[in-house]
Amino acid sequence: MKSHRSLTPRQEALTERSLITALMTMRTPEECRAFLKDLCTPAELQAMADRWAVVEALQQDLPYREIHRLTGVSLTTIGRVARYMADGNGGYALAIDRLGSPRNG
């Protein structure tokens, strides 16, 4: 996170909301992919994709070391994703539910 930002907390919240609103205008996976590729560096996009792969693996109750072996994601990141799945803002659970991702399947 940038510590030298001059935006007020309210301005930051409005900027974040604007970004989220822009994401919500994407109508297809291809549109969303194009937007994210314009918005993110390749490394940022890969990091997000890696975290989602961890979510899917955790849904299958795979051990952390197996997830690391399959994805190359660090054990620290796997633990962080697992923590957010359990005690985060509910975003992962909502996406999993809406996608109909079967647990252990």
PDB file of N, CA and C in Angstrom:
ATOM      1  N   MET A   1       0.837  -1.179   0.000  1.00  0.00           N
ATOM      2  CA  MET A   1       0.000   0.000   0.000  1.00  0.00           C
ATOM      3  C   MET A   1       0.881   1.241   0.000  1.00  0.00           C
ATOM      4  N   LYS A   2       0.430   2.241  -0.677  1.00  0.00           N
ATOM      5  CA  LYS A   2       1.171   3.493  -0.722  1.00  0.00           C
ATOM      6  C   LYS A   2       0.962   4.252   0.582  1.00  0.00           C
ATOM      7  N   SER A   3       2.051   4.731   1.154  1.00  0.00           N
ATOM      8  CA  SER A   3       1.933   5.510   2.391  1.00  0.00           C
ATOM      9  C   SER A   3       2.042   7.005   2.126  1.00  0.00           C
ATOM     10  N   HIS A   4       2.387   7.384   0.913  1.00  0.00           N
ATOM     11  CA  HIS A   4       2.559   8.790   0.587  1.00  0.00           C
ATOM     12  C   HIS A   4       1.337   9.404  -0.094  1.00  0.00           C
ATOM     13  N   ARG A   5       0.236   8.705  -0.051  1.00  0.00           N
ATOM     14  CA  ARG A   5      -0.981   9.182  -0.720  1.00  0.00           C
ATOM     15  C   ARG A   5      -1.521  10.425  -0.029  1.00  0.00           C
ATOM     16  N   SER A   6      -2.056  11.308  -0.837  1.00  0.00           N
ATOM     17  CA  SER A   6      -2.604  12.539  -0.274  1.00  0.00           C
ATOM     18  C   SER A   6      -4.132  12.526  -0.274  1.00  0.00           C
ATOM     19  N   LEU A   7      -4.736  11.390  -0.635  1.00  0.00           N
ATOM     20  CA  LEU A   7      -6.191  11.308  -0.620  1.00  0.00           C
ATOM     21  C   LEU A   7      -6.702  11.136   0.806  1.00  0.00           C
ATOM     22  N   THR A   8      -7.829  11.733   1.070  1.00  0.00           N
ATOM     23  CA  THR A   8      -8.465  11.526   2.363  1.00  0.00           C
ATOM     24  C   THR A   8      -9.092  10.127   2.361  1.00  0.00           C
ATOM     25  N   PRO A   9      -9.403   9.581   3.521  1.00  0.00           N
ATOM     26  CA  PRO A   9     -10.081   8.274   3.552  1.00  0.00           C
ATOM     27  C   PRO A   9     -11.368   8.272   2.729  1.00  0.00           C
ATOM     28  N   ARG A  10     -12.088   9.367   2.751  1.00  0.00           N
ATOM     29  CA  ARG A  10     -13.324   9.452   1.949  1.00  0.00           C
ATOM     30  C   ARG A  10     -13.015   9.398   0.457  1.00  0.00           C
ATOM     31  N   GLN A  11     -11.984  10.128   0.028  1.00  0.00           N
ATOM     32  CA  GLN A  11     -11.600  10.104  -1.381  1.00  0.00           C
ATOM     33  C   GLN A  11     -11.134   8.712  -1.801  1.00  0.00           C
ATOM     34  N   GLU A  12     -10.385   8.044  -0.932  1.00  0.00           N
ATOM     35  CA  GLU A  12      -9.940   6.683  -1.226  1.00  0.00           C
ATOM     36  C   GLU A  12     -11.130   5.746  -1.373  1.00  0.00           C
ATOM     37  N   ALA A  13     -12.122   5.893  -0.490  1.00  0.00           N
ATOM     38  CA  ALA A  13     -13.325   5.057  -0.568  1.00  0.00           C
ATOM     39  C   ALA A  13     -14.084   5.314  -1.868  1.00  0.00           C
ATOM     40  N   LEU A  14     -14.175   6.568  -2.272  1.00  0.00           N
ATOM     41  CA  LEU A  14     -14.865   6.905  -3.524  1.00  0.00           C
ATOM     42  C   LEU A  14     -14.112   6.355  -4.732  1.00  0.00           C
ATOM     43  N   THR A  15     -12.792   6.429  -4.695  1.00  0.00           N
ATOM     44  CA  THR A  15     -11.975   5.893  -5.783  1.00  0.00           C
ATOM     45  C   THR A  15     -12.140   4.376  -5.872  1.00  0.00           C
ATOM     46  N   GLU A  16     -12.133   3.704  -4.727  1.00  0.00           N
ATOM     47  CA  GLU A  16     -12.336   2.251  -4.704  1.00  0.00           C
ATOM     48  C   GLU A  16     -13.719   1.893  -5.238  1.00  0.00           C
ATOM     49  N   ARG A  17     -14.712   2.637  -4.825  1.00  0.00           N
ATOM     50  CA  ARG A  17     -16.082   2.377  -5.305  1.00  0.00           C
ATOM     51  C   ARG A  17     -16.177   2.575  -6.817  1.00  0.00           C
ATOM     52  N   SER A  18     -15.500   3.582  -7.333  1.00  0.00           N
ATOM     53  CA  SER A  18     -15.490   3.829  -8.772  1.00  0.00           C
ATOM     54  C   SER A  18     -14.863   2.652  -9.517  1.00  0.00           C
ATOM     55  N   LEU A  19     -13.764   2.120  -8.992  1.00  0.00           N
ATOM     56  CA  LEU A  19     -13.128   0.955  -9.596  1.00  0.00           C
ATOM     57  C   LEU A  19     -14.072  -0.250  -9.584  1.00  0.00           C
ATOM     58  N   ILE A  20     -14.706  -0.484  -8.454  1.00  0.00           N
ATOM     59  CA  ILE A  20     -15.639  -1.608  -8.338  1.00  0.00           C
ATOM     60  C   ILE A  20     -16.800  -1.439  -9.312  1.00  0.00           C
ATOM     61  N   THR A  21     -17.307  -0.228  -9.426  1.00  0.00           N
ATOM     62  CA  THR A  21     -18.395   0.046 -10.367  1.00  0.00           C
ATOM     63  C   THR A  21     -17.943  -0.234 -11.792  1.00  0.00           C
ATOM     64  N   ALA A  22     -16.718   0.155 -12.124  1.00  0.00           N
ATOM     65  CA  ALA A  22     -16.188  -0.115 -13.464  1.00  0.00           C
ATOM     66  C   ALA A  22     -16.095  -1.621 -13.711  1.00  0.00           C
ATOM     67  N   LEU A  23     -15.622  -2.370 -12.719  1.00  0.00           N
ATOM     68  CA  LEU A  23     -15.566  -3.839 -12.848  1.00  0.00           C
ATOM     69  C   LEU A  23     -16.951  -4.425 -13.103  1.00  0.00           C
ATOM     70  N   MET A  24     -17.934  -3.874 -12.432  1.00  0.00           N
ATOM     71  CA  MET A  24     -19.302  -4.391 -12.563  1.00  0.00           C
ATOM     72  C   MET A  24     -19.911  -4.121 -13.938  1.00  0.00           C
ATOM     73  N   THR A  25     -19.317  -3.218 -14.719  1.00  0.00           N
ATOM     74  CA  THR A  25     -19.852  -2.954 -16.057  1.00  0.00           C
ATOM     75  C   THR A  25     -19.419  -4.013 -17.061  1.00  0.00           C
ATOM     76  N   MET A  26     -18.441  -4.821 -16.698  1.00  0.00           N
ATOM     77  CA  MET A  26     -17.968  -5.862 -17.611  1.00  0.00           C
ATOM     78  C   MET A  26     -19.047  -6.939 -17.712  1.00  0.00           C
ATOM     79  N   ARG A  27     -19.382  -7.309 -18.948  1.00  0.00           N
ATOM     80  CA  ARG A  27     -20.514  -8.219 -19.165  1.00  0.00           C
ATOM     81  C   ARG A  27     -20.115  -9.647 -19.472  1.00  0.00           C
ATOM     82  N   THR A  28     -18.873  -9.856 -19.890  1.00  0.00           N
ATOM     83  CA  THR A  28     -18.432 -11.203 -20.232  1.00  0.00           C
ATOM     84  C   THR A  28     -17.066 -11.454 -19.601  1.00  0.00           C
ATOM     85  N   PRO A  29     -16.689 -12.714 -19.486  1.00  0.00           N
ATOM     86  CA  PRO A  29     -15.333 -12.992 -18.985  1.00  0.00           C
ATOM     87  C   PRO A  29     -14.257 -12.335 -19.853  1.00  0.00           C
ATOM     88  N   GLU A  30     -14.480 -12.287 -21.156  1.00  0.00           N
ATOM     89  CA  GLU A  30     -13.501 -11.682 -22.046  1.00  0.00           C
ATOM     90  C   GLU A  30     -13.355 -10.176 -21.782  1.00  0.00           C
ATOM     91  N   GLU A  31     -14.492  -9.494 -21.555  1.00  0.00           N
ATOM     92  CA  GLU A  31     -14.439  -8.064 -21.219  1.00  0.00           C
ATOM     93  C   GLU A  31     -13.710  -7.848 -19.899  1.00  0.00           C
ATOM     94  N   CYS A  32     -14.002  -8.681 -18.940  1.00  0.00           N
ATOM     95  CA  CYS A  32     -13.354  -8.557 -17.627  1.00  0.00           C
ATOM     96  C   CYS A  32     -11.859  -8.827 -17.748  1.00  0.00           C
ATOM     97  N   ARG A  33     -11.492  -9.835 -18.524  1.00  0.00           N
ATOM     98  CA  ARG A  33     -10.077 -10.142 -18.751  1.00  0.00           C
ATOM     99  C   ARG A  33      -9.366  -8.936 -19.369  1.00  0.00           C
ATOM    100  N   ALA A  34      -9.965  -8.332 -20.402  1.00  0.00           N
ATOM    101  CA  ALA A  34      -9.350  -7.173 -21.060  1.00  0.00           C
ATOM    102  C   ALA A  34      -9.176  -6.022 -20.075  1.00  0.00           C
ATOM    103  N   PHE A  35     -10.206  -5.769 -19.258  1.00  0.00           N
ATOM    104  CA  PHE A  35     -10.127  -4.692 -18.279  1.00  0.00           C
ATOM    105  C   PHE A  35      -9.007  -4.960 -17.272  1.00  0.00           C
ATOM    106  N   LEU A  36      -8.966  -6.191 -16.750  1.00  0.00           N
ATOM    107  CA  LEU A  36      -7.945  -6.527 -15.750  1.00  0.00           C
ATOM    108  C   LEU A  36      -6.541  -6.489 -16.344  1.00  0.00           C
ATOM    109  N   LYS A  37      -6.401  -6.887 -17.610  1.00  0.00           N
ATOM    110  CA  LYS A  37      -5.080  -6.839 -18.250  1.00  0.00           C
ATOM    111  C   LYS A  37      -4.629  -5.396 -18.472  1.00  0.00           C
ATOM    112  N   ASP A  38      -5.575  -4.496 -18.681  1.00  0.00           N
ATOM    113  CA  ASP A  38      -5.226  -3.078 -18.787  1.00  0.00           C
ATOM    114  C   ASP A  38      -4.919  -2.477 -17.418  1.00  0.00           C
ATOM    115  N   LEU A  39      -5.637  -2.923 -16.418  1.00  0.00           N
ATOM    116  CA  LEU A  39      -5.525  -2.353 -15.079  1.00  0.00           C
ATOM    117  C   LEU A  39      -4.305  -2.859 -14.311  1.00  0.00           C
ATOM    118  N   CYS A  40      -4.006  -4.147 -14.439  1.00  0.00           N
ATOM    119  CA  CYS A  40      -2.991  -4.799 -13.602  1.00  0.00           C
ATOM    120  C   CYS A  40      -1.727  -5.110 -14.389  1.00  0.00           C
ATOM    121  N   THR A  41      -0.626  -5.192 -13.671  1.00  0.00           N
ATOM    122  CA  THR A  41       0.580  -5.723 -14.286  1.00  0.00           C
ATOM    123  C   THR A  41       0.392  -7.226 -14.450  1.00  0.00           C
ATOM    124  N   PRO A  42       1.164  -7.859 -15.327  1.00  0.00           N
ATOM    125  CA  PRO A  42       1.058  -9.314 -15.430  1.00  0.00           C
ATOM    126  C   PRO A  42       1.276 -10.017 -14.084  1.00  0.00           C
ATOM    127  N   ALA A  43       2.205  -9.512 -13.273  1.00  0.00           N
ATOM    128  CA  ALA A  43       2.468 -10.122 -11.971  1.00  0.00           C
ATOM    129  C   ALA A  43       1.273  -9.967 -11.027  1.00  0.00           C
ATOM    130  N   GLU A  44       0.627  -8.814 -11.045  1.00  0.00           N
ATOM    131  CA  GLU A  44      -0.552  -8.605 -10.199  1.00  0.00           C
ATOM    132  C   GLU A  44      -1.693  -9.531 -10.603  1.00  0.00           C
ATOM    133  N   LEU A  45      -1.907  -9.654 -11.897  1.00  0.00           N
ATOM    134  CA  LEU A  45      -2.975 -10.529 -12.391  1.00  0.00           C
ATOM    135  C   LEU A  45      -2.663 -11.983 -12.057  1.00  0.00           C
ATOM    136  N   GLN A  46      -1.397 -12.379 -12.200  1.00  0.00           N
ATOM    137  CA  GLN A  46      -1.006 -13.750 -11.863  1.00  0.00           C
ATOM    138  C   GLN A  46      -1.192 -14.004 -10.377  1.00  0.00           C
ATOM    139  N   ALA A  47      -0.863 -13.037  -9.538  1.00  0.00           N
ATOM    140  CA  ALA A  47      -1.029 -13.200  -8.089  1.00  0.00           C
ATOM    141  C   ALA A  47      -2.500 -13.409  -7.733  1.00  0.00           C
ATOM    142  N   MET A  48      -3.386 -12.669  -8.387  1.00  0.00           N
ATOM    143  CA  MET A  48      -4.820 -12.846  -8.123  1.00  0.00           C
ATOM    144  C   MET A  48      -5.291 -14.206  -8.612  1.00  0.00           C
ATOM    145  N   ALA A  49      -4.838 -14.614  -9.796  1.00  0.00           N
ATOM    146  CA  ALA A  49      -5.211 -15.930 -10.323  1.00  0.00           C
ATOM    147  C   ALA A  49      -4.684 -17.041  -9.413  1.00  0.00           C
ATOM    148  N   ASP A  50      -3.452 -16.866  -8.912  1.00  0.00           N
ATOM    149  CA  ASP A  50      -2.883 -17.853  -7.992  1.00  0.00           C
ATOM    150  C   ASP A  50      -3.721 -17.962  -6.720  1.00  0.00           C
ATOM    151  N   ARG A  51      -4.137 -16.831  -6.175  1.00  0.00           N
ATOM    152  CA  ARG A  51      -4.958 -16.860  -4.955  1.00  0.00           C
ATOM    153  C   ARG A  51      -6.278 -17.575  -5.209  1.00  0.00           C
ATOM    154  N   TRP A  52      -6.862 -17.353  -6.379  1.00  0.00           N
ATOM    155  CA  TRP A  52      -8.119 -18.033  -6.686  1.00  0.00           C
ATOM    156  C   TRP A  52      -7.889 -19.539  -6.831  1.00  0.00           C
ATOM    157  N   ALA A  53      -6.756 -19.933  -7.412  1.00  0.00           N
ATOM    158  CA  ALA A  53      -6.418 -21.363  -7.498  1.00  0.00           C
ATOM    159  C   ALA A  53      -6.299 -21.955  -6.099  1.00  0.00           C
ATOM    160  N   VAL A  54      -5.756 -21.192  -5.170  1.00  0.00           N
ATOM    161  CA  VAL A  54      -5.663 -21.646  -3.778  1.00  0.00           C
ATOM    162  C   VAL A  54      -7.057 -21.820  -3.181  1.00  0.00           C
ATOM    163  N   VAL A  55      -7.947 -20.881  -3.435  1.00  0.00           N
ATOM    164  CA  VAL A  55      -9.328 -20.986  -2.945  1.00  0.00           C
ATOM    165  C   VAL A  55      -9.937 -22.300  -3.434  1.00  0.00           C
ATOM    166  N   GLU A  56      -9.796 -22.567  -4.726  1.00  0.00           N
ATOM    167  CA  GLU A  56     -10.373 -23.796  -5.290  1.00  0.00           C
ATOM    168  C   GLU A  56      -9.766 -25.042  -4.661  1.00  0.00           C
ATOM    169  N   ALA A  57      -8.449 -25.018  -4.432  1.00  0.00           N
ATOM    170  CA  ALA A  57      -7.789 -26.171  -3.809  1.00  0.00           C
ATOM    171  C   ALA A  57      -8.220 -26.341  -2.352  1.00  0.00           C
ATOM    172  N   LEU A  58      -8.353 -25.225  -1.639  1.00  0.00           N
ATOM    173  CA  LEU A  58      -8.815 -25.304  -0.251  1.00  0.00           C
ATOM    174  C   LEU A  58     -10.230 -25.858  -0.178  1.00  0.00           C
ATOM    175  N   GLN A  59     -11.048 -25.548  -1.173  1.00  0.00           N
ATOM    176  CA  GLN A  59     -12.415 -26.087  -1.233  1.00  0.00           C
ATOM    177  C   GLN A  59     -12.403 -27.607  -1.349  1.00  0.00           C
ATOM    178  N   GLN A  60     -11.321 -28.141  -1.871  1.00  0.00           N
ATOM    179  CA  GLN A  60     -11.181 -29.593  -2.017  1.00  0.00           C
ATOM    180  C   GLN A  60     -10.499 -30.215  -0.801  1.00  0.00           C
ATOM    181  N   ASP A  61     -10.271 -29.391   0.226  1.00  0.00           N
ATOM    182  CA  ASP A  61      -9.625 -29.835   1.469  1.00  0.00           C
ATOM    183  C   ASP A  61      -8.223 -30.403   1.245  1.00  0.00           C
ATOM    184  N   LEU A  62      -7.516 -29.884   0.246  1.00  0.00           N
ATOM    185  CA  LEU A  62      -6.146 -30.327   0.026  1.00  0.00           C
ATOM    186  C   LEU A  62      -5.240 -29.750   1.108  1.00  0.00           C
ATOM    187  N   PRO A  63      -4.234 -30.495   1.530  1.00  0.00           N
ATOM    188  CA  PRO A  63      -3.268 -29.967   2.503  1.00  0.00           C
ATOM    189  C   PRO A  63      -2.474 -28.804   1.899  1.00  0.00           C
ATOM    190  N   TYR A  64      -2.042 -27.897   2.753  1.00  0.00           N
ATOM    191  CA  TYR A  64      -1.306 -26.719   2.291  1.00  0.00           C
ATOM    192  C   TYR A  64      -0.096 -27.109   1.440  1.00  0.00           C
ATOM    193  N   ARG A  65       0.658 -28.113   1.874  1.00  0.00           N
ATOM    194  CA  ARG A  65       1.860 -28.498   1.119  1.00  0.00           C
ATOM    195  C   ARG A  65       1.509 -29.047  -0.260  1.00  0.00           C
ATOM    196  N   GLU A  66       0.385 -29.717  -0.387  1.00  0.00           N
ATOM    197  CA  GLU A  66      -0.065 -30.204  -1.689  1.00  0.00           C
ATOM    198  C   GLU A  66      -0.481 -29.029  -2.575  1.00  0.00           C
ATOM    199  N   ILE A  67      -1.159 -28.049  -1.972  1.00  0.00           N
ATOM    200  CA  ILE A  67      -1.542 -26.846  -2.719  1.00  0.00           C
ATOM    201  C   ILE A  67      -0.291 -26.121  -3.211  1.00  0.00           C
ATOM    202  N   HIS A  68       0.702 -26.017  -2.333  1.00  0.00           N
ATOM    203  CA  HIS A  68       1.971 -25.386  -2.714  1.00  0.00           C
ATOM    204  C   HIS A  68       2.616 -26.147  -3.872  1.00  0.00           C
ATOM    205  N   ARG A  69       2.627 -27.469  -3.787  1.00  0.00           N
ATOM    206  CA  ARG A  69       3.226 -28.289  -4.839  1.00  0.00           C
ATOM    207  C   ARG A  69       2.494 -28.081  -6.171  1.00  0.00           C
ATOM    208  N   LEU A  70       1.167 -28.014  -6.113  1.00  0.00           N
ATOM    209  CA  LEU A  70       0.363 -27.870  -7.337  1.00  0.00           C
ATOM    210  C   LEU A  70       0.418 -26.473  -7.941  1.00  0.00           C
ATOM    211  N   THR A  71       0.457 -25.445  -7.086  1.00  0.00           N
ATOM    212  CA  THR A  71       0.323 -24.064  -7.563  1.00  0.00           C
ATOM    213  C   THR A  71       1.613 -23.252  -7.530  1.00  0.00           C
ATOM    214  N   GLY A  72       2.559 -23.656  -6.684  1.00  0.00           N
ATOM    215  CA  GLY A  72       3.767 -22.859  -6.498  1.00  0.00           C
ATOM    216  C   GLY A  72       3.563 -21.672  -5.573  1.00  0.00           C
ATOM    217  N   VAL A  73       2.354 -21.519  -5.038  1.00  0.00           N
ATOM    218  CA  VAL A  73       2.048 -20.416  -4.124  1.00  0.00           C
ATOM    219  C   VAL A  73       2.679 -20.710  -2.766  1.00  0.00           C
ATOM    220  N   SER A  74       3.224 -19.680  -2.133  1.00  0.00           N
ATOM    221  CA  SER A  74       3.891 -19.873  -0.845  1.00  0.00           C
ATOM    222  C   SER A  74       2.916 -20.334   0.230  1.00  0.00           C
ATOM    223  N   LEU A  75       3.453 -21.047   1.198  1.00  0.00           N
ATOM    224  CA  LEU A  75       2.629 -21.503   2.325  1.00  0.00           C
ATOM    225  C   LEU A  75       2.043 -20.313   3.077  1.00  0.00           C
ATOM    226  N   THR A  76       2.776 -19.214   3.152  1.00  0.00           N
ATOM    227  CA  THR A  76       2.271 -18.005   3.817  1.00  0.00           C
ATOM    228  C   THR A  76       1.035 -17.476   3.107  1.00  0.00           C
ATOM    229  N   THR A  77       1.088 -17.407   1.784  1.00  0.00           N
ATOM    230  CA  THR A  77      -0.064 -16.919   1.017  1.00  0.00           C
ATOM    231  C   THR A  77      -1.231 -17.890   1.133  1.00  0.00           C
ATOM    232  N   ILE A  78      -0.958 -19.180   1.095  1.00  0.00           N
ATOM    233  CA  ILE A  78      -2.019 -20.171   1.250  1.00  0.00           C
ATOM    234  C   ILE A  78      -2.708 -19.985   2.599  1.00  0.00           C
ATOM    235  N   GLY A  79      -1.923 -19.801   3.640  1.00  0.00           N
ATOM    236  CA  GLY A  79      -2.486 -19.558   4.968  1.00  0.00           C
ATOM    237  C   GLY A  79      -3.310 -18.279   5.020  1.00  0.00           C
ATOM    238  N   ARG A  80      -2.832 -17.245   4.349  1.00  0.00           N
ATOM    239  CA  ARG A  80      -3.550 -15.968   4.326  1.00  0.00           C
ATOM    240  C   ARG A  80      -4.893 -16.126   3.606  1.00  0.00           C
ATOM    241  N   VAL A  81      -4.891 -16.824   2.470  1.00  0.00           N
ATOM    242  CA  VAL A  81      -6.138 -17.058   1.745  1.00  0.00           C
ATOM    243  C   VAL A  81      -7.102 -17.852   2.615  1.00  0.00           C
ATOM    244  N   ALA A  82      -6.598 -18.879   3.277  1.00  0.00           N
ATOM    245  CA  ALA A  82      -7.448 -19.698   4.149  1.00  0.00           C
ATOM    246  C   ALA A  82      -8.047 -18.855   5.276  1.00  0.00           C
ATOM    247  N   ARG A  83      -7.241 -17.959   5.830  1.00  0.00           N
ATOM    248  CA  ARG A  83      -7.732 -17.072   6.895  1.00  0.00           C
ATOM    249  C   ARG A  83      -8.842 -16.168   6.383  1.00  0.00           C
ATOM    250  N   TYR A  84      -8.650 -15.603   5.202  1.00  0.00           N
ATOM    251  CA  TYR A  84      -9.677 -14.730   4.635  1.00  0.00           C
ATOM    252  C   TYR A  84     -10.930 -15.505   4.246  1.00  0.00           C
ATOM    253  N   MET A  85     -10.755 -16.761   3.843  1.00  0.00           N
ATOM    254  CA  MET A  85     -11.936 -17.587   3.557  1.00  0.00           C
ATOM    255  C   MET A  85     -12.754 -17.794   4.828  1.00  0.00           C
ATOM    256  N   ALA A  86     -12.058 -17.948   5.951  1.00  0.00           N
ATOM    257  CA  ALA A  86     -12.734 -18.209   7.226  1.00  0.00           C
ATOM    258  C   ALA A  86     -13.218 -16.933   7.903  1.00  0.00           C
ATOM    259  N   ASP A  87     -12.406 -15.896   7.881  1.00  0.00           N
ATOM    260  CA  ASP A  87     -12.684 -14.705   8.691  1.00  0.00           C
ATOM    261  C   ASP A  87     -12.568 -13.401   7.920  1.00  0.00           C
ATOM    262  N   GLY A  88     -12.704 -13.452   6.619  1.00  0.00           N
ATOM    263  CA  GLY A  88     -12.557 -12.243   5.817  1.00  0.00           C
ATOM    264  C   GLY A  88     -13.870 -11.499   5.685  1.00  0.00           C
ATOM    265  N   ASN A  89     -14.068 -10.921   4.538  1.00  0.00           N
ATOM    266  CA  ASN A  89     -15.250 -10.103   4.275  1.00  0.00           C
ATOM    267  C   ASN A  89     -16.380 -10.872   3.604  1.00  0.00           C
ATOM    268  N   GLY A  90     -16.175 -12.153   3.350  1.00  0.00           N
ATOM    269  CA  GLY A  90     -17.206 -12.982   2.748  1.00  0.00           C
ATOM    270  C   GLY A  90     -17.171 -13.021   1.231  1.00  0.00           C
ATOM    271  N   GLY A  91     -16.211 -12.346   0.626  1.00  0.00           N
ATOM    272  CA  GLY A  91     -16.142 -12.302  -0.832  1.00  0.00           C
ATOM    273  C   GLY A  91     -15.832 -13.647  -1.470  1.00  0.00           C
ATOM    274  N   TYR A  92     -14.875 -14.364  -0.900  1.00  0.00           N
ATOM    275  CA  TYR A  92     -14.559 -15.683  -1.450  1.00  0.00           C
ATOM    276  C   TYR A  92     -15.780 -16.592  -1.361  1.00  0.00           C
ATOM    277  N   ALA A  93     -16.420 -16.616  -0.201  1.00  0.00           N
ATOM    278  CA  ALA A  93     -17.586 -17.496  -0.010  1.00  0.00           C
ATOM    279  C   ALA A  93     -18.702 -17.142  -0.978  1.00  0.00           C
ATOM    280  N   LEU A  94     -18.912 -15.863  -1.185  1.00  0.00           N
ATOM    281  CA  LEU A  94     -19.961 -15.426  -2.106  1.00  0.00           C
ATOM    282  C   LEU A  94     -19.655 -15.877  -3.535  1.00  0.00           C
ATOM    283  N   ALA A  95     -18.411 -15.697  -3.959  1.00  0.00           N
ATOM    284  CA  ALA A  95     -18.028 -16.116  -5.313  1.00  0.00           C
ATOM    285  C   ALA A  95     -18.155 -17.630  -5.462  1.00  0.00           C
ATOM    286  N   ILE A  96     -17.695 -18.368  -4.474  1.00  0.00           N
ATOM    287  CA  ILE A  96     -17.805 -19.833  -4.512  1.00  0.00           C
ATOM    288  C   ILE A  96     -19.264 -20.243  -4.614  1.00  0.00           C
ATOM    289  N   ASP A  97     -20.100 -19.627  -3.798  1.00  0.00           N
ATOM    290  CA  ASP A  97     -21.525 -19.950  -3.805  1.00  0.00           C
ATOM    291  C   ASP A  97     -22.156 -19.640  -5.163  1.00  0.00           C
ATOM    292  N   ARG A  98     -21.847 -18.477  -5.696  1.00  0.00           N
ATOM    293  CA  ARG A  98     -22.455 -18.066  -6.962  1.00  0.00           C
ATOM    294  C   ARG A  98     -21.954 -18.875  -8.143  1.00  0.00           C
ATOM    295  N   LEU A  99     -20.731 -19.335  -8.055  1.00  0.00           N
ATOM    296  CA  LEU A  99     -20.194 -20.183  -9.125  1.00  0.00           C
ATOM    297  C   LEU A  99     -20.683 -21.620  -8.999  1.00  0.00           C
ATOM    298  N   GLY A 100     -21.220 -21.949  -7.815  1.00  0.00           N
ATOM    299  CA  GLY A 100     -21.694 -23.310  -7.595  1.00  0.00           C
ATOM    300  C   GLY A 100     -20.567 -24.311  -7.483  1.00  0.00           C
ATOM    301  N   SER A 101     -19.388 -23.829  -7.039  1.00  0.00           N
ATOM    302  CA  SER A 101     -18.241 -24.728  -6.906  1.00  0.00           C
ATOM    303  C   SER A 101     -18.532 -25.773  -5.847  1.00  0.00           C
ATOM    304  N   PRO A 102     -18.563 -27.045  -6.254  1.00  0.00           N
ATOM    305  CA  PRO A 102     -18.831 -28.101  -5.278  1.00  0.00           C
ATOM    306  C   PRO A 102     -17.645 -28.334  -4.364  1.00  0.00           C
ATOM    307  N   ARG A 103     -17.900 -28.472  -3.107  1.00  0.00           N
ATOM    308  CA  ARG A 103     -16.849 -28.790  -2.143  1.00  0.00           C
ATOM    309  C   ARG A 103     -16.428 -30.232  -2.353  1.00  0.00           C
ATOM    310  N   ASN A 104     -15.150 -30.449  -2.292  1.00  0.00           N
ATOM    311  CA  ASN A 104     -14.569 -31.787  -2.488  1.00  0.00           C
ATOM    312  C   ASN A 104     -14.968 -32.368  -3.846  1.00  0.00           C
ATOM    313  N   GLY A 105     -15.112 -31.563  -4.827  1.00  0.00           N
ATOM    314  CA  GLY A 105     -15.511 -32.176  -6.065  1.00  0.00           C
ATOM    315  C   GLY A 105     -14.864 -31.618  -7.222  1.00  0.00           C
TER     316      GLY A 105
END
